[in-house]
Amino acid sequence: MAYFKIVADALTYGITGARKVVIPGGWHGVHWAEPERFVAEILRFLREAEEVMR
């Protein structure tokens, strides 16, 4: 588990504009463990990206 946190932190740091979202109860397969929360975060990301593209 610590490995994924380290990788996520490194990616967040290295990608301009990146944001890390931690979903409680989730794990590497968060889309299986917490599908509603996962989809909500994806939709939020897409809405924000759409605003930036306008």
C-alpha atoms as a PDB file:
ATOM      1  CA  MET A   1       0.000   0.000   0.000  1.00  0.00           C
ATOM      2  CA  ALA A   2       2.815   2.410   0.824  1.00  0.00           C
ATOM      3  CA  TYR A   3       4.245   1.817  -2.665  1.00  0.00           C
ATOM      4  CA  PHE A   4       1.100   3.192  -4.336  1.00  0.00           C
ATOM      5  CA  LYS A   5       1.134   6.270  -2.097  1.00  0.00           C
ATOM      6  CA  ILE A   6       4.758   6.980  -3.010  1.00  0.00           C
ATOM      7  CA  VAL A   7       4.053   6.558  -6.727  1.00  0.00           C
ATOM      8  CA  ALA A   8       0.919   8.720  -6.536  1.00  0.00           C
ATOM      9  CA  ASP A   9       2.802  11.436  -4.654  1.00  0.00           C
ATOM     10  CA  ALA A  10       5.619  11.380  -7.224  1.00  0.00           C
ATOM     11  CA  LEU A  11       3.186  11.598 -10.140  1.00  0.00           C
ATOM     12  CA  THR A  12       1.245  14.401  -8.487  1.00  0.00           C
ATOM     13  CA  TYR A  13       4.458  16.299  -7.910  1.00  0.00           C
ATOM     14  CA  GLY A  14       5.801  15.692 -11.413  1.00  0.00           C
ATOM     15  CA  ILE A  15       2.699  16.430 -13.497  1.00  0.00           C
ATOM     16  CA  THR A  16       1.779  20.079 -13.772  1.00  0.00           C
ATOM     17  CA  GLY A  17      -1.779  20.654 -12.593  1.00  0.00           C
ATOM     18  CA  ALA A  18      -2.122  17.138 -11.190  1.00  0.00           C
ATOM     19  CA  ARG A  19      -4.190  16.537  -8.090  1.00  0.00           C
ATOM     20  CA  LYS A  20      -4.250  13.396  -5.980  1.00  0.00           C
ATOM     21  CA  VAL A  21      -7.596  12.265  -4.632  1.00  0.00           C
ATOM     22  CA  VAL A  22      -7.743   9.701  -1.826  1.00  0.00           C
ATOM     23  CA  ILE A  23     -11.051   7.904  -1.451  1.00  0.00           C
ATOM     24  CA  PRO A  24     -11.483   6.386   2.016  1.00  0.00           C
ATOM     25  CA  GLY A  25     -12.149   2.674   1.793  1.00  0.00           C
ATOM     26  CA  GLY A  26     -10.514   2.542  -1.587  1.00  0.00           C
ATOM     27  CA  TRP A  27      -7.303   0.798  -2.551  1.00  0.00           C
ATOM     28  CA  HIS A  28      -5.492   0.198  -5.843  1.00  0.00           C
ATOM     29  CA  GLY A  29      -8.800  -1.167  -7.177  1.00  0.00           C
ATOM     30  CA  VAL A  30     -10.839   1.755  -5.872  1.00  0.00           C
ATOM     31  CA  HIS A  31     -13.101   1.565  -8.923  1.00  0.00           C
ATOM     32  CA  TRP A  32     -14.286  -1.835  -7.595  1.00  0.00           C
ATOM     33  CA  ALA A  33     -14.287  -0.978  -3.898  1.00  0.00           C
ATOM     34  CA  GLU A  34     -15.988   2.438  -4.124  1.00  0.00           C
ATOM     35  CA  PRO A  35     -17.418   2.762  -7.657  1.00  0.00           C
ATOM     36  CA  GLU A  36     -19.815   5.635  -6.916  1.00  0.00           C
ATOM     37  CA  ARG A  37     -17.128   7.789  -5.297  1.00  0.00           C
ATOM     38  CA  PHE A  38     -14.670   6.885  -8.048  1.00  0.00           C
ATOM     39  CA  VAL A  39     -17.080   7.905 -10.822  1.00  0.00           C
ATOM     40  CA  ALA A  40     -17.946  11.124  -8.979  1.00  0.00           C
ATOM     41  CA  GLU A  41     -14.256  12.087  -8.903  1.00  0.00           C
ATOM     42  CA  ILE A  42     -13.783  11.212 -12.586  1.00  0.00           C
ATOM     43  CA  LEU A  43     -16.811  13.344 -13.508  1.00  0.00           C
ATOM     44  CA  ARG A  44     -15.504  16.233 -11.417  1.00  0.00           C
ATOM     45  CA  PHE A  45     -12.152  15.967 -13.211  1.00  0.00           C
ATOM     46  CA  LEU A  46     -13.829  15.954 -16.620  1.00  0.00           C
ATOM     47  CA  ARG A  47     -15.993  18.970 -15.772  1.00  0.00           C
ATOM     48  CA  GLU A  48     -12.950  20.912 -14.592  1.00  0.00           C
ATOM     49  CA  ALA A  49     -11.000  19.896 -17.701  1.00  0.00           C
ATOM     50  CA  GLU A  50     -13.897  21.019 -19.888  1.00  0.00           C
ATOM     51  CA  GLU A  51     -13.861  24.443 -18.195  1.00  0.00           C
ATOM     52  CA  VAL A  52     -10.123  24.790 -18.802  1.00  0.00           C
ATOM     53  CA  MET A  53     -10.556  23.915 -22.484  1.00  0.00           C
ATOM     54  CA  ARG A  54     -13.131  26.664 -23.090  1.00  0.00           C
END
